[in-house]
């Protein structure tokens, strides 16, 4: 009887031990409870790739085998595909490769085992592809750069540089909005992309970038050709501003013409050259002309003034209608402070009095 009893006890213990082997939580496994997507948000430069991994887990966060698929809401912004270079061992972890396309933001929709999740991809631009009004502007002319649907302009930051940001020449901005920027084209910059500062990435709030344009801009020629001669002086009457407004002329050094420059012809010691711009007034009006330039205040030494006659013999009486206030060895040089000009034809003159001539002169005209 004892032996039978002991045997019974041992047999019961063996069953108890057997019951404790294996996974004690096996009864809790009821398939996938969640999809873990890593990372949830990606930032990828346009044209490059990055990795994304999806792992299916049960209620206790153990990996479980499921079939996972991912689709892109906009394949033009980002495409996604299984990463064939990384094998799946237990069918619980799926690697994918994301390929960035056009700048923007897109959602990747993940599904598997009856569950769904998502990740967000931000594609960052390498350049700016917005339209430019002309790719072969003349120096001194105006070009317009247009925004795209996702790359706008931050008007507090935007600027346009012809050439690299660090070594190029900034164009003078005459208008700016979220959708377009207008600038005056500087001289002597050569062919190359523009550099845009303050490009707003609309899909990432508060984020802006400095980008080169995808297009090459080649300034060629002089918008103010003819400004070295009184007879061919460009007529700026059409751009004279209304009362309380301003206008801008962006010009460059003219041909060697010191013999017809007022300060040269009058024996004031000017080395020239000078540049002339004609304007005609129907009535008396008050303006100032203020000219700045590349270089120091005294090299080059620049003078500005207004003449009422283009004949060299009459310079003594006809020139310096502004009273000579634009010959003060200062930078910028300004006529006025505000000069009243009578009805008739006048010539605004920028004269390189001495020193190396500048490539770029920026003249602001203001009417009072």
Protein backbone atom coordinates (compact mmCIF):
# COMPACT_ATOMS: atom_id res chain seq x y z
CA UNK A 1 0.00 0.00 0.00
CA UNK A 2 2.84 2.40 0.75
CA UNK A 3 4.52 1.78 -2.52
CA UNK A 4 1.35 2.35 -4.42
CA UNK A 5 0.78 5.53 -2.51
CA UNK A 6 4.30 6.80 -3.14
CA UNK A 7 4.02 5.98 -6.80
CA UNK A 8 0.85 7.92 -6.98
CA UNK A 9 2.52 10.89 -5.37
CA UNK A 10 5.46 10.78 -7.75
CA UNK A 11 3.20 10.49 -10.71
CA UNK A 12 1.25 13.52 -9.57
CA UNK A 13 4.47 15.50 -9.11
CA UNK A 14 5.63 14.60 -12.58
CA UNK A 15 2.39 15.92 -14.00
CA UNK A 16 2.78 19.10 -11.98
CA UNK A 17 6.31 19.63 -13.30
CA UNK A 18 5.19 18.97 -16.84
CA UNK A 19 2.47 21.54 -16.46
CA UNK A 20 5.05 24.22 -15.55
CA UNK A 21 7.30 23.76 -18.60
CA UNK A 22 7.03 25.88 -21.85
CA UNK A 23 5.58 29.45 -22.09
CA UNK A 24 3.42 30.22 -19.05
CA UNK A 25 1.75 33.03 -21.05
CA UNK A 26 0.97 30.97 -24.10
CA UNK A 27 -2.71 31.29 -23.46
CA UNK A 28 -2.38 35.08 -23.71
CA UNK A 29 -1.02 34.99 -27.25
CA UNK A 30 -3.88 35.97 -29.54
CA UNK A 31 -2.00 37.31 -32.58
CA UNK A 32 -0.69 40.85 -33.24
CA UNK A 33 -1.92 43.67 -31.01
CA UNK A 34 0.17 46.53 -32.45
CA UNK A 35 2.46 47.58 -35.27
CA UNK A 36 5.65 49.33 -34.20
CA UNK A 37 6.93 51.70 -36.92
CA UNK A 38 10.44 53.12 -36.53
CA UNK A 39 11.04 55.94 -37.09
CA UNK A 40 7.62 57.57 -37.04
CA UNK A 41 8.95 60.65 -38.83
CA UNK A 42 11.74 60.91 -41.39
CA UNK A 43 13.61 63.89 -42.85
CA UNK A 44 15.27 62.98 -46.16
CA UNK A 45 17.03 65.12 -48.76
CA UNK A 46 15.40 64.93 -52.17
CA UNK A 47 16.84 62.06 -54.20
CA UNK A 48 18.24 60.16 -51.20
CA UNK A 49 16.95 57.15 -49.25
CA UNK A 50 16.42 56.15 -45.63
CA UNK A 51 15.37 53.01 -43.74
CA UNK A 52 12.10 52.22 -41.99
CA UNK A 53 11.32 49.07 -39.96
CA UNK A 54 7.91 47.69 -38.97
CA UNK A 55 7.58 45.13 -36.17
CA UNK A 56 4.32 43.40 -35.25
CA UNK A 57 3.87 42.71 -31.51
CA UNK A 58 1.35 40.93 -29.37
CA UNK A 59 -0.28 42.23 -26.19
CA UNK A 60 2.89 41.58 -24.19
CA UNK A 61 5.07 43.31 -26.84
CA UNK A 62 6.52 40.05 -28.12
CA UNK A 63 7.25 40.00 -31.88
CA UNK A 64 4.74 37.98 -33.88
CA UNK A 65 4.73 36.94 -37.52
CA UNK A 66 2.42 38.88 -39.86
CA UNK A 67 2.50 40.14 -43.43
CA UNK A 68 3.14 43.92 -43.53
CA UNK A 69 2.49 46.28 -46.42
CA UNK A 70 3.17 50.03 -46.78
CA UNK A 71 1.76 52.47 -49.33
CA UNK A 72 2.68 56.12 -49.93
CA UNK A 73 -0.10 58.69 -50.08
CA UNK A 74 1.92 60.50 -52.77
CA UNK A 75 4.68 58.54 -54.55
CA UNK A 76 5.88 61.75 -56.22
CA UNK A 77 7.07 62.94 -52.81
CA UNK A 78 8.27 59.59 -51.43
CA UNK A 79 8.19 55.96 -52.55
CA UNK A 80 8.50 52.95 -50.25
CA UNK A 81 9.50 49.35 -50.96
CA UNK A 82 10.70 46.24 -49.12
CA UNK A 83 14.42 46.37 -48.44
CA UNK A 84 15.68 43.26 -50.23
CA UNK A 85 19.18 43.69 -48.78
CA UNK A 86 17.92 42.94 -45.26
CA UNK A 87 16.36 39.43 -44.98
CA UNK A 88 13.38 38.77 -42.73
CA UNK A 89 14.15 35.83 -40.43
CA UNK A 90 11.00 35.26 -38.41
CA UNK A 91 8.39 37.28 -40.40
CA UNK A 92 7.85 39.60 -37.45
CA UNK A 93 10.17 42.43 -38.46
CA UNK A 94 9.93 44.00 -41.89
CA UNK A 95 12.58 46.43 -43.22
CA UNK A 96 11.64 48.97 -45.89
CA UNK A 97 13.55 51.57 -47.88
CA UNK A 98 12.05 55.04 -48.45
CA UNK A 99 13.14 57.01 -51.54
CA UNK A 100 12.64 60.79 -51.45
CA UNK A 101 11.32 62.56 -54.53
CA UNK A 102 9.91 66.09 -54.77
CA UNK A 103 10.03 68.37 -51.70
CA UNK A 104 7.03 68.12 -49.43
CA UNK A 105 5.44 66.01 -46.73
CA UNK A 106 3.70 62.68 -47.23
CA UNK A 107 2.16 59.98 -45.02
CA UNK A 108 3.12 56.32 -45.36
CA UNK A 109 0.20 54.03 -44.47
CA UNK A 110 1.20 50.76 -42.77
CA UNK A 111 -1.04 47.67 -42.46
CA UNK A 112 -0.64 44.09 -41.31
CA UNK A 113 -2.44 41.47 -39.25
CA UNK A 114 -5.64 43.52 -39.35
CA UNK A 115 -3.85 46.55 -37.82
CA UNK A 116 -2.83 49.92 -39.25
CA UNK A 117 -0.28 52.61 -38.41
CA UNK A 118 1.61 55.32 -40.29
CA UNK A 119 4.82 57.31 -40.62
CA UNK A 120 5.44 60.81 -41.96
CA UNK A 121 8.19 61.60 -44.49
CA UNK A 122 9.50 65.15 -44.96
CA UNK A 123 11.45 65.53 -48.19
CA UNK A 124 13.91 68.42 -47.99
CA UNK A 125 14.86 70.36 -51.14
CA UNK A 126 18.42 70.47 -52.46
CA UNK A 127 17.63 73.38 -54.77
CA UNK A 128 14.85 75.80 -55.69
CA UNK A 129 12.90 74.95 -58.84
CA UNK A 130 10.54 77.94 -59.00
CA UNK A 131 10.20 79.77 -62.31
CA UNK A 132 12.43 82.78 -63.09
CA UNK A 133 11.10 85.43 -65.46
CA UNK A 134 14.25 85.36 -67.63
CA UNK A 135 17.49 83.39 -67.46
CA UNK A 136 19.43 85.92 -69.58
CA UNK A 137 18.66 89.31 -67.99
CA UNK A 138 20.62 92.44 -68.70
CA UNK A 139 22.51 94.09 -65.89
CA UNK A 140 20.26 96.75 -64.34
CA UNK A 141 17.07 95.04 -65.48
CA UNK A 142 14.47 93.45 -63.18
CA UNK A 143 13.82 89.73 -62.82
CA UNK A 144 11.06 87.97 -60.90
CA UNK A 145 11.53 84.69 -59.02
CA UNK A 146 8.31 82.77 -58.44
CA UNK A 147 7.55 80.44 -55.52
CA UNK A 148 6.34 76.87 -55.86
CA UNK A 149 3.37 75.19 -54.20
CA UNK A 150 5.48 74.06 -51.21
CA UNK A 151 8.47 76.45 -51.31
CA UNK A 152 7.35 80.00 -50.56
CA UNK A 153 9.23 83.12 -49.40
CA UNK A 154 9.60 84.42 -45.86
CA UNK A 155 9.33 88.16 -46.50
CA UNK A 156 11.28 88.94 -43.32
CA UNK A 157 14.29 86.96 -44.56
CA UNK A 158 14.16 86.64 -48.34
CA UNK A 159 17.04 87.90 -50.50
CA UNK A 160 18.46 86.97 -53.89
CA UNK A 161 22.20 86.69 -54.51
CA UNK A 162 23.72 86.30 -57.96
CA UNK A 163 26.29 83.58 -57.40
CA UNK A 164 27.25 81.81 -54.14
CA UNK A 165 25.84 83.24 -50.91
CA UNK A 166 29.29 84.04 -49.48
CA UNK A 167 30.96 85.49 -52.58
CA UNK A 168 28.16 86.57 -54.91
CA UNK A 169 26.48 89.95 -55.40
CA UNK A 170 23.05 90.63 -53.91
CA UNK A 171 20.34 91.92 -56.21
CA UNK A 172 18.36 94.88 -54.91
CA UNK A 173 14.86 93.74 -53.90
CA UNK A 174 12.08 95.96 -55.25
CA UNK A 175 9.13 93.74 -54.28
CA UNK A 176 8.59 90.67 -52.13
CA UNK A 177 5.65 88.50 -51.14
CA UNK A 178 5.14 84.87 -50.22
CA UNK A 179 4.70 84.04 -53.91
CA UNK A 180 7.29 86.16 -55.73
CA UNK A 181 10.38 88.32 -55.36
CA UNK A 182 11.53 91.02 -57.82
CA UNK A 183 15.15 92.14 -57.86
CA UNK A 184 17.38 94.45 -59.88
CA UNK A 185 20.17 92.56 -61.62
CA UNK A 186 23.72 93.55 -60.58
CA UNK A 187 26.63 93.73 -63.00
CA UNK A 188 29.70 91.55 -63.39
CA UNK A 189 28.36 88.37 -61.79
CA UNK A 190 28.74 85.79 -64.57
CA UNK A 191 26.64 82.70 -65.21
CA UNK A 192 25.48 80.52 -62.34
CA UNK A 193 22.55 79.64 -60.09
CA UNK A 194 20.99 82.29 -57.88
CA UNK A 195 21.15 81.79 -54.12
CA UNK A 196 17.84 82.35 -52.35
CA UNK A 197 17.79 83.07 -48.62
CA UNK A 198 14.54 82.82 -46.68
CA UNK A 199 12.85 80.04 -48.65
CA UNK A 200 9.95 78.94 -46.43
CA UNK A 201 9.30 75.18 -46.23
CA UNK A 202 5.52 75.29 -45.92
CA UNK A 203 5.26 71.65 -44.81
CA UNK A 204 7.47 72.29 -41.75
CA UNK A 205 6.03 75.32 -39.91
CA UNK A 206 8.58 78.00 -39.08
CA UNK A 207 11.36 76.35 -41.08
CA UNK A 208 13.24 78.18 -43.87
CA UNK A 209 16.29 77.35 -45.98
CA UNK A 210 18.97 78.90 -48.17
CA UNK A 211 18.92 77.22 -51.57
CA UNK A 212 20.54 77.57 -54.99
CA UNK A 213 18.21 77.71 -57.96
CA UNK A 214 18.08 74.69 -60.26
CA UNK A 215 18.25 77.10 -63.22
CA UNK A 216 21.39 78.89 -64.37
CA UNK A 217 21.06 82.66 -64.75
CA UNK A 218 23.43 84.42 -67.18
CA UNK A 219 23.36 88.24 -66.97
CA UNK A 220 24.31 89.68 -70.34
CA UNK A 221 24.46 93.24 -71.61
CA UNK A 222 23.55 96.56 -70.02
CA UNK A 223 19.94 97.63 -69.53
CA UNK A 224 21.13 101.26 -69.48
CA UNK A 225 23.30 101.04 -72.61
CA UNK A 226 23.83 104.52 -74.03
CA UNK A 227 24.36 106.25 -70.67
CA UNK A 228 27.88 107.37 -71.68
CA UNK A 229 26.55 109.90 -74.20
CA UNK A 230 24.29 112.93 -73.76
CA UNK A 231 22.68 112.16 -77.12
CA UNK A 232 21.81 108.56 -76.24
CA UNK A 233 21.19 108.99 -72.51
CA UNK A 234 18.45 106.56 -71.32
CA UNK A 235 15.15 108.28 -70.65
CA UNK A 236 14.04 107.54 -67.07
CA UNK A 237 10.94 109.74 -67.16
CA UNK A 238 8.71 106.65 -67.10
CA UNK A 239 10.13 105.35 -63.82
CA UNK A 240 10.05 108.62 -61.87
CA UNK A 241 8.03 107.93 -58.73
CA UNK A 242 4.81 109.59 -57.61
CA UNK A 243 4.79 111.89 -54.56
CA UNK A 244 5.99 110.14 -51.44
CA UNK A 245 7.28 107.15 -53.42
CA UNK A 246 10.72 105.94 -54.50
CA UNK A 247 12.22 104.27 -57.57
CA UNK A 248 15.56 102.59 -58.18
CA UNK A 249 18.20 102.61 -60.94
CA UNK A 250 20.87 99.91 -60.92
CA UNK A 251 23.66 100.93 -63.33
CA UNK A 252 27.32 100.26 -64.06
CA UNK A 253 30.37 102.31 -65.05
CA UNK A 254 30.19 103.72 -68.56
CA UNK A 255 32.76 104.11 -71.35
CA UNK A 256 35.76 106.45 -71.05
CA UNK A 257 34.14 109.84 -71.75
CA UNK A 258 35.75 112.34 -69.34
CA UNK A 259 35.83 115.03 -72.05
CA UNK A 260 32.02 115.31 -71.92
CA UNK A 261 31.71 114.91 -68.15
CA UNK A 262 30.81 118.24 -66.52
CA UNK A 263 33.47 118.06 -63.79
CA UNK A 264 36.04 116.99 -66.38
CA UNK A 265 35.05 119.62 -68.96
CA UNK A 266 35.02 122.38 -66.35
CA UNK A 267 38.56 121.57 -65.23
CA UNK A 268 37.61 120.29 -61.76
CA UNK A 269 40.10 117.42 -62.01
CA UNK A 270 37.70 114.56 -62.65
CA UNK A 271 39.06 111.32 -64.08
CA UNK A 272 35.65 110.16 -65.33
CA UNK A 273 33.78 108.39 -66.68
CA UNK A 274 30.28 109.74 -66.14
CA UNK A 275 26.83 108.30 -66.80
CA UNK A 276 23.82 110.41 -67.82
CA UNK A 277 20.08 109.73 -67.48
CA UNK A 278 17.52 112.03 -69.08
CA UNK A 279 14.12 112.92 -67.64
CA UNK A 280 11.43 115.38 -68.70
CA UNK A 281 9.01 117.09 -66.31
CA UNK A 282 5.65 118.52 -67.39
CA UNK A 283 5.53 120.70 -64.27
CA UNK A 284 7.80 121.77 -61.43
CA UNK A 285 8.57 118.83 -59.11
CA UNK A 286 10.85 118.12 -56.16
CA UNK A 287 13.18 115.10 -56.10
CA UNK A 288 16.33 113.78 -54.50
CA UNK A 289 18.73 111.36 -56.19
CA UNK A 290 20.84 109.26 -53.81
CA UNK A 291 23.57 107.03 -55.23
CA UNK A 292 25.44 104.25 -53.44
CA UNK A 293 28.11 102.00 -54.97
CA UNK A 294 30.47 99.09 -54.43
CA UNK A 295 33.61 100.36 -52.72
CA UNK A 296 34.65 102.91 -50.11
CA UNK A 297 33.53 106.53 -49.85
CA UNK A 298 36.76 107.84 -51.38
CA UNK A 299 37.73 105.02 -53.75
CA UNK A 300 36.03 105.53 -55.99
CA UNK A 301 35.16 109.16 -55.24
CA UNK A 302 31.72 109.56 -56.81
CA UNK A 303 29.73 112.77 -57.41
CA UNK A 304 26.10 113.12 -58.49
CA UNK A 305 24.23 116.16 -59.78
CA UNK A 306 21.55 117.33 -62.23
CA UNK A 307 22.05 119.42 -65.40
CA UNK A 308 19.51 121.41 -67.38
CA UNK A 309 21.54 121.35 -70.63
CA UNK A 310 23.54 118.68 -72.46
CA UNK A 311 25.85 121.08 -74.34
CA UNK A 312 29.41 121.03 -72.98
CA UNK A 313 29.74 124.78 -73.56
CA UNK A 314 26.82 125.42 -71.22
CA UNK A 315 27.90 123.19 -68.31
CA UNK A 316 29.10 126.12 -66.22
CA UNK A 317 25.60 127.58 -65.95
CA UNK A 318 23.43 124.54 -66.63
CA UNK A 319 24.87 121.90 -64.33
CA UNK A 320 24.68 121.44 -60.56
CA UNK A 321 21.01 122.37 -60.42
CA UNK A 322 21.08 120.60 -57.06
CA UNK A 323 23.45 123.20 -55.64
CA UNK A 324 26.45 120.89 -55.57
CA UNK A 325 25.22 118.85 -52.60
CA UNK A 326 26.09 115.64 -54.40
CA UNK A 327 29.84 116.31 -54.35
CA UNK A 328 30.65 115.95 -50.68
CA UNK A 329 33.03 112.95 -50.49
CA UNK A 330 30.34 111.01 -48.64
CA UNK A 331 28.68 107.66 -49.27
CA UNK A 332 26.03 107.59 -50.53
CA UNK A 333 26.04 110.82 -52.55
CA UNK A 334 22.73 112.66 -52.44
CA UNK A 335 21.41 115.69 -54.26
CA UNK A 336 19.32 118.07 -52.31
CA UNK A 337 18.30 117.35 -49.54
CA UNK A 338 15.31 118.07 -51.79
CA UNK A 339 15.64 119.96 -55.07
CA UNK A 340 12.86 121.59 -57.03
CA UNK A 341 13.24 121.15 -60.78
CA UNK A 342 11.27 123.22 -63.27
CA UNK A 343 9.29 121.85 -66.20
CA UNK A 344 11.50 120.72 -69.07
CA UNK A 345 14.31 118.25 -69.77
CA UNK A 346 17.02 117.48 -67.23
CA UNK A 347 19.93 115.03 -66.96
CA UNK A 348 20.86 113.19 -63.80
CA UNK A 349 24.63 112.51 -63.82
CA UNK A 350 26.79 110.01 -61.89
CA UNK A 351 30.45 110.97 -62.28
CA UNK A 352 33.45 108.93 -61.18
CA UNK A 353 35.59 111.80 -59.93
CA UNK A 354 38.66 109.75 -58.96
CA UNK A 355 39.78 106.23 -58.09
CA UNK A 356 38.87 102.82 -59.42
CA UNK A 357 35.44 102.81 -61.05
CA UNK A 358 32.70 100.71 -59.46
CA UNK A 359 30.82 97.93 -61.23
CA UNK A 360 27.54 98.69 -59.50
CA UNK A 361 25.79 101.99 -58.77
CA UNK A 362 22.44 101.96 -56.97
CA UNK A 363 20.44 105.18 -57.26
CA UNK A 364 17.27 105.78 -55.28
CA UNK A 365 14.97 108.49 -56.61
CA UNK A 366 12.46 110.00 -54.21
CA UNK A 367 9.75 112.52 -54.95
CA UNK A 368 8.47 114.95 -52.34
